[in-house]
Each structure stands twice: as structure tokens, then as C-alpha cells.
Amino acid sequence: VPVQWEVAEDARFRHVVRRGLDLATPELGHSVHAEVSGLRADRE
């Protein structure tokens, strides 16, 4: 199952800074471990 993720600077996602797609597989219990990079240091 494809699972999309988004990272934003605000809680209502008006300023999305990263977006990606990971695959949830039955072999790993349909878990997702999305490794996000390209963010700013020491930021919420």
C-alpha cells in the first residue's frame, strides 16, 4: 500500500516543506519508516 507523507512548518500544513511516498508492505506489518531529509536544523 503506498503511503504519502508530508512535513510542514505549521500545524495546518499551509507551508509544506517536504513530501514523499513510502510503501507499506505486508512483510513488515504495513509499517512505514519514512526517513525525511532536507529540513532545517533545530526547528519544529
Full PDB file with SEQRES, HELIX, SHEET, SSBOND, CRYST1, ORIGX, SCALE, CONECT and MASTER records, all heavy atoms in Angstrom:
SEQRES   1 A   44  VAL PRO VAL GLN TRP GLU VAL ALA GLU ASP ALA ARG PHE          
SEQRES   2 A   44  ARG HIS VAL VAL ARG ARG GLY LEU ASP LEU ALA THR PRO          
SEQRES   3 A   44  GLU LEU GLY HIS SER VAL HIS ALA GLU VAL SER GLY LEU          
SEQRES   4 A   44  ARG ALA ASP ARG GLU                                          
HELIX    1 AA1 PRO A   26  LEU A   28  5                                   3    
SHEET    1 AA1 2 PRO A   2  ALA A   8  0                                        
SHEET    2 AA1 2 VAL A  16  LEU A  23 -1                                        
CRYST1    1.000    1.000    1.000  90.00  90.00  90.00 P 1           1          
ORIGX1      1.000000  0.000000  0.000000        0.00000                         
ORIGX2      0.000000  1.000000  0.000000        0.00000                         
ORIGX3      0.000000  0.000000  1.000000        0.00000                         
SCALE1      1.000000  0.000000  0.000000        0.00000                         
SCALE2      0.000000  1.000000  0.000000        0.00000                         
SCALE3      0.000000  0.000000  1.000000        0.00000                         
ATOM      1  N   VAL A   1       0.849  -1.192   0.000  1.00  0.00           N  
ATOM      2  CA  VAL A   1       0.000   0.000   0.000  1.00  0.00           C  
ATOM      3  C   VAL A   1       0.886   1.243   0.000  1.00  0.00           C  
ATOM      4  O   VAL A   1       1.695   1.415   0.913  1.00  0.00           O  
ATOM      5  CB  VAL A   1      -0.928   0.026   1.229  1.00  0.00           C  
ATOM      6  CG1 VAL A   1      -1.773   1.300   1.236  1.00  0.00           C  
ATOM      7  CG2 VAL A   1      -1.825  -1.206   1.255  1.00  0.00           C  
ATOM      8  N   PRO A   2       0.766   2.106  -1.014  1.00  0.00           N  
ATOM      9  CA  PRO A   2       1.511   3.371  -0.990  1.00  0.00           C  
ATOM     10  C   PRO A   2       0.980   4.296   0.099  1.00  0.00           C  
ATOM     11  O   PRO A   2      -0.234   4.428   0.281  1.00  0.00           O  
ATOM     12  CB  PRO A   2       1.273   3.969  -2.376  1.00  0.00           C  
ATOM     13  CG  PRO A   2       0.698   2.856  -3.197  1.00  0.00           C  
ATOM     14  CD  PRO A   2      -0.013   1.962  -2.244  1.00  0.00           C  
ATOM     15  N   VAL A   3       1.899   4.911   0.829  1.00  0.00           N  
ATOM     16  CA  VAL A   3       1.530   5.849   1.901  1.00  0.00           C  
ATOM     17  C   VAL A   3       2.288   7.148   1.665  1.00  0.00           C  
ATOM     18  O   VAL A   3       3.524   7.151   1.590  1.00  0.00           O  
ATOM     19  CB  VAL A   3       1.866   5.272   3.292  1.00  0.00           C  
ATOM     20  CG1 VAL A   3       1.492   6.276   4.382  1.00  0.00           C  
ATOM     21  CG2 VAL A   3       1.152   3.950   3.512  1.00  0.00           C  
ATOM     22  N   GLN A   4       1.543   8.235   1.528  1.00  0.00           N  
ATOM     23  CA  GLN A   4       2.176   9.534   1.333  1.00  0.00           C  
ATOM     24  C   GLN A   4       2.370  10.223   2.679  1.00  0.00           C  
ATOM     25  O   GLN A   4       1.558  10.064   3.607  1.00  0.00           O  
ATOM     26  CB  GLN A   4       1.306  10.419   0.445  1.00  0.00           C  
ATOM     27  CG  GLN A   4       1.974  11.735   0.069  1.00  0.00           C  
ATOM     28  CD  GLN A   4       1.197  12.518  -0.968  1.00  0.00           C  
ATOM     29  OE1 GLN A   4       0.156  12.067  -1.424  1.00  0.00           O  
ATOM     30  NE2 GLN A   4       1.690  13.680  -1.337  1.00  0.00           N  
ATOM     31  N   TRP A   5       3.473  10.960   2.788  1.00  0.00           N  
ATOM     32  CA  TRP A   5       3.727  11.742   3.995  1.00  0.00           C  
ATOM     33  C   TRP A   5       4.041  13.181   3.621  1.00  0.00           C  
ATOM     34  O   TRP A   5       4.510  13.461   2.518  1.00  0.00           O  
ATOM     35  CB  TRP A   5       4.866  11.146   4.814  1.00  0.00           C  
ATOM     36  CG  TRP A   5       6.139  10.872   4.049  1.00  0.00           C  
ATOM     37  CD1 TRP A   5       6.529   9.685   3.510  1.00  0.00           C  
ATOM     38  CD2 TRP A   5       7.181  11.812   3.744  1.00  0.00           C  
ATOM     39  NE1 TRP A   5       7.743   9.815   2.877  1.00  0.00           N  
ATOM     40  CE2 TRP A   5       8.167  11.112   3.012  1.00  0.00           C  
ATOM     41  CE3 TRP A   5       7.377  13.162   4.012  1.00  0.00           C  
ATOM     42  CZ2 TRP A   5       9.337  11.715   2.539  1.00  0.00           C  
ATOM     43  CZ3 TRP A   5       8.542  13.782   3.555  1.00  0.00           C  
ATOM     44  CH2 TRP A   5       9.507  13.055   2.830  1.00  0.00           C  
ATOM     45  N   GLU A   6       3.755  14.060   4.541  1.00  0.00           N  
ATOM     46  CA  GLU A   6       4.036  15.484   4.379  1.00  0.00           C  
ATOM     47  C   GLU A   6       4.637  16.045   5.650  1.00  0.00           C  
ATOM     48  O   GLU A   6       4.266  15.638   6.767  1.00  0.00           O  
ATOM     49  CB  GLU A   6       2.750  16.273   4.088  1.00  0.00           C  
ATOM     50  CG  GLU A   6       2.228  16.136   2.685  1.00  0.00           C  
ATOM     51  CD  GLU A   6       1.085  17.110   2.436  1.00  0.00           C  
ATOM     52  OE1 GLU A   6       0.266  17.311   3.346  1.00  0.00           O  
ATOM     53  OE2 GLU A   6       1.023  17.672   1.331  1.00  0.00           O  
ATOM     54  N   VAL A   7       5.540  16.998   5.492  1.00  0.00           N  
ATOM     55  CA  VAL A   7       6.137  17.732   6.613  1.00  0.00           C  
ATOM     56  C   VAL A   7       5.934  19.207   6.346  1.00  0.00           C  
ATOM     57  O   VAL A   7       6.200  19.694   5.236  1.00  0.00           O  
ATOM     58  CB  VAL A   7       7.637  17.416   6.752  1.00  0.00           C  
ATOM     59  CG1 VAL A   7       8.250  18.229   7.891  1.00  0.00           C  
ATOM     60  CG2 VAL A   7       7.850  15.922   6.988  1.00  0.00           C  
ATOM     61  N   ALA A   8       5.473  19.915   7.369  1.00  0.00           N  
ATOM     62  CA  ALA A   8       5.163  21.333   7.218  1.00  0.00           C  
ATOM     63  C   ALA A   8       5.718  22.136   8.373  1.00  0.00           C  
ATOM     64  O   ALA A   8       6.010  21.598   9.450  1.00  0.00           O  
ATOM     65  CB  ALA A   8       3.645  21.543   7.122  1.00  0.00           C  
ATOM     66  N   GLU A   9       5.834  23.428   8.151  1.00  0.00           N  
ATOM     67  CA  GLU A   9       6.295  24.334   9.203  1.00  0.00           C  
ATOM     68  C   GLU A   9       5.178  24.744  10.144  1.00  0.00           C  
ATOM     69  O   GLU A   9       5.447  25.347  11.185  1.00  0.00           O  
ATOM     70  CB  GLU A   9       6.914  25.584   8.571  1.00  0.00           C  
ATOM     71  CG  GLU A   9       8.206  25.302   7.814  1.00  0.00           C  
ATOM     72  CD  GLU A   9       8.807  26.563   7.228  1.00  0.00           C  
ATOM     73  OE1 GLU A   9       8.063  27.563   7.073  1.00  0.00           O  
ATOM     74  OE2 GLU A   9      10.014  26.555   6.928  1.00  0.00           O  
ATOM     75  N   ASP A  10       3.941  24.443   9.789  1.00  0.00           N  
ATOM     76  CA  ASP A  10       2.803  24.838  10.615  1.00  0.00           C  
ATOM     77  C   ASP A  10       1.857  23.658  10.762  1.00  0.00           C  
ATOM     78  O   ASP A  10       1.838  22.746   9.935  1.00  0.00           O  
ATOM     79  CB  ASP A  10       2.069  26.024   9.996  1.00  0.00           C  
ATOM     80  CG  ASP A  10       1.449  25.665   8.660  1.00  0.00           C  
ATOM     81  OD1 ASP A  10       2.226  25.340   7.725  1.00  0.00           O  
ATOM     82  OD2 ASP A  10       0.214  25.649   8.558  1.00  0.00           O  
ATOM     83  N   ALA A  11       1.053  23.682  11.802  1.00  0.00           N  
ATOM     84  CA  ALA A  11       0.208  22.545  12.138  1.00  0.00           C  
ATOM     85  C   ALA A  11      -0.954  22.352  11.180  1.00  0.00           C  
ATOM     86  O   ALA A  11      -1.555  21.275  11.156  1.00  0.00           O  
ATOM     87  CB  ALA A  11      -0.333  22.714  13.569  1.00  0.00           C  
ATOM     88  N   ARG A  12      -1.282  23.360  10.376  1.00  0.00           N  
ATOM     89  CA  ARG A  12      -2.367  23.223   9.409  1.00  0.00           C  
ATOM     90  C   ARG A  12      -1.858  23.049   7.983  1.00  0.00           C  
ATOM     91  O   ARG A  12      -2.621  23.088   7.025  1.00  0.00           O  
ATOM     92  CB  ARG A  12      -3.324  24.408   9.520  1.00  0.00           C  
ATOM     93  CG  ARG A  12      -3.971  24.483  10.900  1.00  0.00           C  
ATOM     94  CD  ARG A  12      -5.161  25.423  10.962  1.00  0.00           C  
ATOM     95  NE  ARG A  12      -5.748  25.412  12.286  1.00  0.00           N  
ATOM     96  CZ  ARG A  12      -6.609  24.506  12.732  1.00  0.00           C  
ATOM     97  NH1 ARG A  12      -6.993  23.528  11.926  1.00  0.00           N  
ATOM     98  NH2 ARG A  12      -7.084  24.567  13.956  1.00  0.00           N  
ATOM     99  N   PHE A  13      -0.567  22.883   7.839  1.00  0.00           N  
ATOM    100  CA  PHE A  13       0.051  22.499   6.578  1.00  0.00           C  
ATOM    101  C   PHE A  13      -0.152  23.537   5.476  1.00  0.00           C  
ATOM    102  O   PHE A  13      -0.315  23.200   4.310  1.00  0.00           O  
ATOM    103  CB  PHE A  13      -0.446  21.104   6.150  1.00  0.00           C  
ATOM    104  CG  PHE A  13       0.060  20.007   7.053  1.00  0.00           C  
ATOM    105  CD1 PHE A  13      -0.542  19.771   8.284  1.00  0.00           C  
ATOM    106  CD2 PHE A  13       1.152  19.249   6.693  1.00  0.00           C  
ATOM    107  CE1 PHE A  13      -0.066  18.793   9.128  1.00  0.00           C  
ATOM    108  CE2 PHE A  13       1.643  18.258   7.534  1.00  0.00           C  
ATOM    109  CZ  PHE A  13       1.032  18.031   8.765  1.00  0.00           C  
ATOM    110  N   ARG A  14      -0.098  24.783   5.870  1.00  0.00           N  
ATOM    111  CA  ARG A  14      -0.119  25.843   4.857  1.00  0.00           C  
ATOM    112  C   ARG A  14       1.243  25.997   4.205  1.00  0.00           C  
ATOM    113  O   ARG A  14       1.351  26.499   3.079  1.00  0.00           O  
ATOM    114  CB  ARG A  14      -0.552  27.165   5.498  1.00  0.00           C  
ATOM    115  CG  ARG A  14      -1.980  27.182   6.045  1.00  0.00           C  
ATOM    116  CD  ARG A  14      -2.377  28.584   6.502  1.00  0.00           C  
ATOM    117  NE  ARG A  14      -3.737  28.617   7.055  1.00  0.00           N  
ATOM    118  CZ  ARG A  14      -4.019  28.536   8.354  1.00  0.00           C  
ATOM    119  NH1 ARG A  14      -3.016  28.424   9.225  1.00  0.00           N  
ATOM    120  NH2 ARG A  14      -5.253  28.575   8.773  1.00  0.00           N  
ATOM    121  N   HIS A  15       2.318  25.585   4.946  1.00  0.00           N  
ATOM    122  CA  HIS A  15       3.683  25.733   4.445  1.00  0.00           C  
ATOM    123  C   HIS A  15       4.373  24.366   4.462  1.00  0.00           C  
ATOM    124  O   HIS A  15       5.192  24.067   5.322  1.00  0.00           O  
ATOM    125  CB  HIS A  15       4.455  26.746   5.301  1.00  0.00           C  
ATOM    126  CG  HIS A  15       3.805  28.081   5.367  1.00  0.00           C  
ATOM    127  ND1 HIS A  15       3.803  28.971   4.321  1.00  0.00           N  
ATOM    128  CD2 HIS A  15       3.099  28.674   6.371  1.00  0.00           C  
ATOM    129  CE1 HIS A  15       3.147  30.062   4.661  1.00  0.00           C  
ATOM    130  NE2 HIS A  15       2.704  29.911   5.891  1.00  0.00           N  
ATOM    131  N   VAL A  16       4.011  23.538   3.486  1.00  0.00           N  
ATOM    132  CA  VAL A  16       4.605  22.206   3.359  1.00  0.00           C  
ATOM    133  C   VAL A  16       6.016  22.357   2.801  1.00  0.00           C  
ATOM    134  O   VAL A  16       6.230  23.051   1.794  1.00  0.00           O  
ATOM    135  CB  VAL A  16       3.753  21.315   2.445  1.00  0.00           C  
ATOM    136  CG1 VAL A  16       4.452  19.979   2.194  1.00  0.00           C  
ATOM    137  CG2 VAL A  16       2.376  21.082   3.073  1.00  0.00           C  
ATOM    138  N   VAL A  17       6.990  21.703   3.451  1.00  0.00           N  
ATOM    139  CA  VAL A  17       8.382  21.824   3.018  1.00  0.00           C  
ATOM    140  C   VAL A  17       8.935  20.518   2.445  1.00  0.00           C  
ATOM    141  O   VAL A  17       9.933  20.534   1.724  1.00  0.00           O  
ATOM    142  CB  VAL A  17       9.277  22.310   4.178  1.00  0.00           C  
ATOM    143  CG1 VAL A  17       8.897  23.726   4.595  1.00  0.00           C  
ATOM    144  CG2 VAL A  17       9.206  21.355   5.369  1.00  0.00           C  
ATOM    145  N   ARG A  18       8.323  19.399   2.770  1.00  0.00           N  
ATOM    146  CA  ARG A  18       8.758  18.124   2.225  1.00  0.00           C  
ATOM    147  C   ARG A  18       7.543  17.221   2.043  1.00  0.00           C  
ATOM    148  O   ARG A  18       6.614  17.233   2.847  1.00  0.00           O  
ATOM    149  CB  ARG A  18       9.782  17.425   3.133  1.00  0.00           C  
ATOM    150  CG  ARG A  18      11.168  18.028   3.099  1.00  0.00           C  
ATOM    151  CD  ARG A  18      11.849  17.792   1.767  1.00  0.00           C  
ATOM    152  NE  ARG A  18      13.194  18.333   1.708  1.00  0.00           N  
ATOM    153  CZ  ARG A  18      13.502  19.571   1.342  1.00  0.00           C  
ATOM    154  NH1 ARG A  18      12.528  20.432   1.033  1.00  0.00           N  
ATOM    155  NH2 ARG A  18      14.757  19.970   1.295  1.00  0.00           N  
ATOM    156  N   ARG A  19       7.588  16.425   0.974  1.00  0.00           N  
ATOM    157  CA  ARG A  19       6.505  15.487   0.684  1.00  0.00           C  
ATOM    158  C   ARG A  19       7.127  14.259   0.037  1.00  0.00           C  
ATOM    159  O   ARG A  19       8.076  14.370  -0.743  1.00  0.00           O  
ATOM    160  CB  ARG A  19       5.498  16.132  -0.262  1.00  0.00           C  
ATOM    161  CG  ARG A  19       4.343  15.233  -0.666  1.00  0.00           C  
ATOM    162  CD  ARG A  19       3.410  15.943  -1.637  1.00  0.00           C  
ATOM    163  NE  ARG A  19       2.608  16.956  -0.957  1.00  0.00           N  
ATOM    164  CZ  ARG A  19       2.485  18.208  -1.356  1.00  0.00           C  
ATOM    165  NH1 ARG A  19       3.168  18.638  -2.411  1.00  0.00           N  
ATOM    166  NH2 ARG A  19       1.702  19.044  -0.707  1.00  0.00           N  
ATOM    167  N   GLY A  20       6.640  13.082   0.373  1.00  0.00           N  
ATOM    168  CA  GLY A  20       7.205  11.881  -0.203  1.00  0.00           C  
ATOM    169  C   GLY A  20       6.252  10.713  -0.135  1.00  0.00           C  
ATOM    170  O   GLY A  20       5.123  10.826   0.367  1.00  0.00           O  
ATOM    171  N   LEU A  21       6.706   9.575  -0.644  1.00  0.00           N  
ATOM    172  CA  LEU A  21       5.896   8.372  -0.722  1.00  0.00           C  
ATOM    173  C   LEU A  21       6.715   7.187  -0.249  1.00  0.00           C  
ATOM    174  O   LEU A  21       7.849   6.995  -0.682  1.00  0.00           O  
ATOM    175  CB  LEU A  21       5.437   8.138  -2.166  1.00  0.00           C  
ATOM    176  CG  LEU A  21       4.437   7.008  -2.408  1.00  0.00           C  
ATOM    177  CD1 LEU A  21       3.072   7.396  -1.867  1.00  0.00           C  
ATOM    178  CD2 LEU A  21       4.344   6.704  -3.902  1.00  0.00           C  
ATOM    179  N   ASP A  22       6.164   6.414   0.676  1.00  0.00           N  
ATOM    180  CA  ASP A  22       6.766   5.159   1.106  1.00  0.00           C  
ATOM    181  C   ASP A  22       5.762   4.041   0.899  1.00  0.00           C  
ATOM    182  O   ASP A  22       4.545   4.277   0.794  1.00  0.00           O  
ATOM    183  CB  ASP A  22       7.181   5.236   2.574  1.00  0.00           C  
ATOM    184  CG  ASP A  22       8.584   5.812   2.742  1.00  0.00           C  
ATOM    185  OD1 ASP A  22       8.845   6.932   2.273  1.00  0.00           O  
ATOM    186  OD2 ASP A  22       9.416   5.134   3.336  1.00  0.00           O  
ATOM    187  N   LEU A  23       6.265   2.819   0.856  1.00  0.00           N  
ATOM    188  CA  LEU A  23       5.421   1.659   0.629  1.00  0.00           C  
ATOM    189  C   LEU A  23       5.272   0.862   1.918  1.00  0.00           C  
ATOM    190  O   LEU A  23       6.268   0.480   2.535  1.00  0.00           O  
ATOM    191  CB  LEU A  23       6.016   0.768  -0.458  1.00  0.00           C  
ATOM    192  CG  LEU A  23       6.184   1.421  -1.829  1.00  0.00           C  
ATOM    193  CD1 LEU A  23       6.820   0.431  -2.805  1.00  0.00           C  
ATOM    194  CD2 LEU A  23       4.864   1.947  -2.357  1.00  0.00           C  
ATOM    195  N   ALA A  24       4.024   0.655   2.329  1.00  0.00           N  
ATOM    196  CA  ALA A  24       3.721  -0.178   3.490  1.00  0.00           C  
ATOM    197  C   ALA A  24       3.517  -1.604   2.999  1.00  0.00           C  
ATOM    198  O   ALA A  24       2.584  -1.874   2.230  1.00  0.00           O  
ATOM    199  CB  ALA A  24       2.481   0.331   4.211  1.00  0.00           C  
ATOM    200  N   THR A  25       4.388  -2.514   3.406  1.00  0.00           N  
ATOM    201  CA  THR A  25       4.365  -3.885   2.895  1.00  0.00           C  
ATOM    202  C   THR A  25       3.847  -4.850   3.949  1.00  0.00           C  
ATOM    203  O   THR A  25       4.064  -4.658   5.152  1.00  0.00           O  
ATOM    204  CB  THR A  25       5.772  -4.329   2.469  1.00  0.00           C  
ATOM    205  OG1 THR A  25       6.601  -4.446   3.638  1.00  0.00           O  
ATOM    206  CG2 THR A  25       6.398  -3.330   1.505  1.00  0.00           C  
ATOM    207  N   PRO A  26       3.169  -5.917   3.505  1.00  0.00           N  
ATOM    208  CA  PRO A  26       2.709  -6.916   4.484  1.00  0.00           C  
ATOM    209  C   PRO A  26       3.868  -7.597   5.196  1.00  0.00           C  
ATOM    210  O   PRO A  26       3.728  -8.039   6.338  1.00  0.00           O  
ATOM    211  CB  PRO A  26       1.906  -7.908   3.628  1.00  0.00           C  
ATOM    212  CG  PRO A  26       2.345  -7.684   2.224  1.00  0.00           C  
ATOM    213  CD  PRO A  26       2.746  -6.245   2.136  1.00  0.00           C  
ATOM    214  N   GLU A  27       5.044  -7.684   4.543  1.00  0.00           N  
ATOM    215  CA  GLU A  27       6.201  -8.330   5.170  1.00  0.00           C  
ATOM    216  C   GLU A  27       6.649  -7.603   6.432  1.00  0.00           C  
ATOM    217  O   GLU A  27       7.210  -8.215   7.339  1.00  0.00           O  
ATOM    218  CB  GLU A  27       7.358  -8.398   4.178  1.00  0.00           C  
ATOM    219  CG  GLU A  27       7.140  -9.366   3.027  1.00  0.00           C  
ATOM    220  CD  GLU A  27       6.232  -8.806   1.942  1.00  0.00           C  
ATOM    221  OE1 GLU A  27       5.928  -7.587   1.966  1.00  0.00           O  
ATOM    222  OE2 GLU A  27       5.819  -9.582   1.059  1.00  0.00           O  
ATOM    223  N   LEU A  28       6.423  -6.291   6.500  1.00  0.00           N  
ATOM    224  CA  LEU A  28       6.770  -5.518   7.697  1.00  0.00           C  
ATOM    225  C   LEU A  28       5.514  -4.973   8.381  1.00  0.00           C  
ATOM    226  O   LEU A  28       5.510  -3.896   8.962  1.00  0.00           O  
ATOM    227  CB  LEU A  28       7.718  -4.373   7.334  1.00  0.00           C  
ATOM    228  CG  LEU A  28       9.143  -4.801   6.983  1.00  0.00           C  
ATOM    229  CD1 LEU A  28       9.978  -3.594   6.548  1.00  0.00           C  
ATOM    230  CD2 LEU A  28       9.814  -5.505   8.161  1.00  0.00           C  
ATOM    231  N   GLY A  29       4.443  -5.752   8.320  1.00  0.00           N  
ATOM    232  CA  GLY A  29       3.237  -5.411   9.060  1.00  0.00           C  
ATOM    233  C   GLY A  29       2.589  -4.123   8.612  1.00  0.00           C  
ATOM    234  O   GLY A  29       1.865  -3.495   9.380  1.00  0.00           O  
ATOM    235  N   HIS A  30       2.826  -3.701   7.358  1.00  0.00           N  
ATOM    236  CA  HIS A  30       2.318  -2.437   6.831  1.00  0.00           C  
ATOM    237  C   HIS A  30       2.757  -1.248   7.692  1.00  0.00           C  
ATOM    238  O   HIS A  30       2.014  -0.283   7.879  1.00  0.00           O  
ATOM    239  CB  HIS A  30       0.795  -2.460   6.678  1.00  0.00           C  
ATOM    240  CG  HIS A  30       0.341  -3.333   5.539  1.00  0.00           C  
ATOM    241  ND1 HIS A  30      -0.108  -4.625   5.728  1.00  0.00           N  
ATOM    242  CD2 HIS A  30       0.289  -3.106   4.199  1.00  0.00           C  
ATOM    243  CE1 HIS A  30      -0.422  -5.157   4.559  1.00  0.00           C  
ATOM    244  NE2 HIS A  30      -0.183  -4.267   3.608  1.00  0.00           N  
ATOM    245  N   SER A  31       3.977  -1.347   8.219  1.00  0.00           N  
ATOM    246  CA  SER A  31       4.555  -0.207   8.929  1.00  0.00           C  
ATOM    247  C   SER A  31       5.285   0.692   7.939  1.00  0.00           C  
ATOM    248  O   SER A  31       5.697   0.255   6.862  1.00  0.00           O  
ATOM    249  CB  SER A  31       5.517  -0.678  10.021  1.00  0.00           C  
ATOM    250  OG  SER A  31       6.598  -1.414   9.462  1.00  0.00           O  
ATOM    251  N   VAL A  32       5.437   1.951   8.313  1.00  0.00           N  
ATOM    252  CA  VAL A  32       6.118   2.944   7.490  1.00  0.00           C  
ATOM    253  C   VAL A  32       7.223   3.581   8.323  1.00  0.00           C  
ATOM    254  O   VAL A  32       6.977   3.990   9.466  1.00  0.00           O  
ATOM    255  CB  VAL A  32       5.140   4.031   6.985  1.00  0.00           C  
ATOM    256  CG1 VAL A  32       5.886   5.112   6.202  1.00  0.00           C  
ATOM    257  CG2 VAL A  32       4.042   3.408   6.134  1.00  0.00           C  
ATOM    258  N   HIS A  33       8.407   3.648   7.762  1.00  0.00           N  
ATOM    259  CA  HIS A  33       9.542   4.329   8.394  1.00  0.00           C  
ATOM    260  C   HIS A  33      10.118   5.291   7.361  1.00  0.00           C  
ATOM    261  O   HIS A  33      11.039   4.953   6.615  1.00  0.00           O  
ATOM    262  CB  HIS A  33      10.604   3.322   8.841  1.00  0.00           C  
ATOM    263  CG  HIS A  33      10.121   2.320   9.844  1.00  0.00           C  
ATOM    264  ND1 HIS A  33       9.340   1.232   9.503  1.00  0.00           N  
ATOM    265  CD2 HIS A  33      10.304   2.232  11.188  1.00  0.00           C  
ATOM    266  CE1 HIS A  33       9.068   0.527  10.591  1.00  0.00           C  
ATOM    267  NE2 HIS A  33       9.650   1.105  11.623  1.00  0.00           N  
ATOM    268  N   ALA A  34       9.547   6.465   7.283  1.00  0.00           N  
ATOM    269  CA  ALA A  34       9.940   7.455   6.263  1.00  0.00           C  
ATOM    270  C   ALA A  34      11.099   8.287   6.793  1.00  0.00           C  
ATOM    271  O   ALA A  34      10.951   9.006   7.788  1.00  0.00           O  
ATOM    272  CB  ALA A  34       8.760   8.352   5.921  1.00  0.00           C  
ATOM    273  N   GLU A  35      12.245   8.198   6.123  1.00  0.00           N  
ATOM    274  CA  GLU A  35      13.422   8.958   6.538  1.00  0.00           C  
ATOM    275  C   GLU A  35      13.441  10.277   5.769  1.00  0.00           C  
ATOM    276  O   GLU A  35      13.753  10.305   4.578  1.00  0.00           O  
ATOM    277  CB  GLU A  35      14.690   8.138   6.303  1.00  0.00           C  
ATOM    278  CG  GLU A  35      14.714   6.886   7.166  1.00  0.00           C  
ATOM    279  CD  GLU A  35      16.044   6.154   7.123  1.00  0.00           C  
ATOM    280  OE1 GLU A  35      17.064   6.784   6.789  1.00  0.00           O  
ATOM    281  OE2 GLU A  35      16.042   4.944   7.426  1.00  0.00           O  
ATOM    282  N   VAL A  36      13.104  11.338   6.458  1.00  0.00           N  
ATOM    283  CA  VAL A  36      12.976  12.664   5.855  1.00  0.00           C  
ATOM    284  C   VAL A  36      14.300  13.407   5.990  1.00  0.00           C  
ATOM    285  O   VAL A  36      14.911  13.401   7.061  1.00  0.00           O  
ATOM    286  CB  VAL A  36      11.848  13.468   6.539  1.00  0.00           C  
ATOM    287  CG1 VAL A  36      11.681  14.826   5.873  1.00  0.00           C  
ATOM    288  CG2 VAL A  36      10.542  12.678   6.502  1.00  0.00           C  
ATOM    289  N   SER A  37      14.738  14.031   4.943  1.00  0.00           N  
ATOM    290  CA  SER A  37      15.948  14.863   4.976  1.00  0.00           C  
ATOM    291  C   SER A  37      15.632  16.210   4.336  1.00  0.00           C  
ATOM    292  O   SER A  37      14.524  16.433   3.829  1.00  0.00           O  
ATOM    293  CB  SER A  37      17.104  14.175   4.249  1.00  0.00           C  
ATOM    294  OG  SER A  37      16.763  13.932   2.890  1.00  0.00           O  
ATOM    295  N   GLY A  38      16.598  17.113   4.363  1.00  0.00           N  
ATOM    296  CA  GLY A  38      16.410  18.418   3.763  1.00  0.00           C  
ATOM    297  C   GLY A  38      15.689  19.419   4.641  1.00  0.00           C  
ATOM    298  O   GLY A  38      15.261  20.478   4.154  1.00  0.00           O  
ATOM    299  N   LEU A  39      15.546  19.113   5.931  1.00  0.00           N  
ATOM    300  CA  LEU A  39      14.910  20.043   6.855  1.00  0.00           C  
ATOM    301  C   LEU A  39      15.954  20.980   7.459  1.00  0.00           C  
ATOM    302  O   LEU A  39      17.157  20.758   7.352  1.00  0.00           O  
ATOM    303  CB  LEU A  39      14.180  19.281   7.961  1.00  0.00           C  
ATOM    304  CG  LEU A  39      13.110  18.284   7.496  1.00  0.00           C  
ATOM    305  CD1 LEU A  39      12.474  17.596   8.699  1.00  0.00           C  
ATOM    306  CD2 LEU A  39      12.049  18.962   6.638  1.00  0.00           C  
ATOM    307  N   ARG A  40      15.495  22.024   8.113  1.00  0.00           N  
ATOM    308  CA  ARG A  40      16.379  22.975   8.776  1.00  0.00           C  
ATOM    309  C   ARG A  40      16.709  22.460  10.180  1.00  0.00           C  
ATOM    310  O   ARG A  40      15.897  21.821  10.834  1.00  0.00           O  
ATOM    311  CB  ARG A  40      15.722  24.351   8.844  1.00  0.00           C  
ATOM    312  CG  ARG A  40      15.418  24.951   7.480  1.00  0.00           C  
ATOM    313  CD  ARG A  40      14.502  26.147   7.600  1.00  0.00           C  
ATOM    314  NE  ARG A  40      15.157  27.264   8.276  1.00  0.00           N  
ATOM    315  CZ  ARG A  40      14.511  28.347   8.706  1.00  0.00           C  
ATOM    316  NH1 ARG A  40      13.200  28.447   8.551  1.00  0.00           N  
ATOM    317  NH2 ARG A  40      15.176  29.318   9.293  1.00  0.00           N  
ATOM    318  N   ALA A  41      17.906  22.748  10.625  1.00  0.00           N  
ATOM    319  CA  ALA A  41      18.359  22.278  11.930  1.00  0.00           C  
ATOM    320  C   ALA A  41      17.648  23.004  13.067  1.00  0.00           C  
ATOM    321  O   ALA A  41      17.314  24.189  12.951  1.00  0.00           O  
ATOM    322  CB  ALA A  41      19.868  22.474  12.056  1.00  0.00           C  
ATOM    323  N   ASP A  42      17.438  22.266  14.150  1.00  0.00           N  
ATOM    324  CA  ASP A  42      16.912  22.836  15.396  1.00  0.00           C  
ATOM    325  C   ASP A  42      15.601  23.578  15.163  1.00  0.00           C  
ATOM    326  O   ASP A  42      15.404  24.695  15.608  1.00  0.00           O  
ATOM    327  CB  ASP A  42      17.953  23.774  16.015  1.00  0.00           C  
ATOM    328  CG  ASP A  42      17.717  24.002  17.506  1.00  0.00           C  
ATOM    329  OD1 ASP A  42      16.943  23.232  18.109  1.00  0.00           O  
ATOM    330  OD2 ASP A  42      18.310  24.948  18.060  1.00  0.00           O  
ATOM    331  N   ARG A  43      14.676  22.926  14.432  1.00  0.00           N  
ATOM    332  CA  ARG A  43      13.396  23.532  14.086  1.00  0.00           C  
ATOM    333  C   ARG A  43      12.249  22.584  14.414  1.00  0.00           C  
ATOM    334  O   ARG A  43      12.381  21.368  14.351  1.00  0.00           O  
ATOM    335  CB  ARG A  43      13.327  23.880  12.592  1.00  0.00           C  
ATOM    336  CG  ARG A  43      14.287  24.949  12.131  1.00  0.00           C  
ATOM    337  CD  ARG A  43      13.921  26.325  12.692  1.00  0.00           C  
ATOM    338  NE  ARG A  43      14.705  27.388  12.070  1.00  0.00           N  
ATOM    339  CZ  ARG A  43      15.914  27.765  12.455  1.00  0.00           C  
ATOM    340  NH1 ARG A  43      16.497  27.135  13.480  1.00  0.00           N  
ATOM    341  NH2 ARG A  43      16.555  28.746  11.845  1.00  0.00           N  
ATOM    342  N   GLU A  44      11.116  23.175  14.733  1.00  0.00           N  
ATOM    343  CA  GLU A  44       9.883  22.429  14.956  1.00  0.00           C  
ATOM    344  C   GLU A  44       9.174  22.207  13.626  1.00  0.00           C  
ATOM    345  O   GLU A  44       9.099  23.110  12.794  1.00  0.00           O  
ATOM    346  CB  GLU A  44       8.986  23.227  15.908  1.00  0.00           C  
ATOM    347  CG  GLU A  44       7.649  22.601  16.206  1.00  0.00           C  
ATOM    348  CD  GLU A  44       6.783  23.514  17.070  1.00  0.00           C  
ATOM    349  OE1 GLU A  44       6.366  24.586  16.579  1.00  0.00           O  
ATOM    350  OE2 GLU A  44       6.532  23.158  18.231  1.00  0.00           O  
TER     351      GLU A  44                                                      
MASTER        0    0    0    1    2    0    0    6  350    1    0    4          
END                                                                             
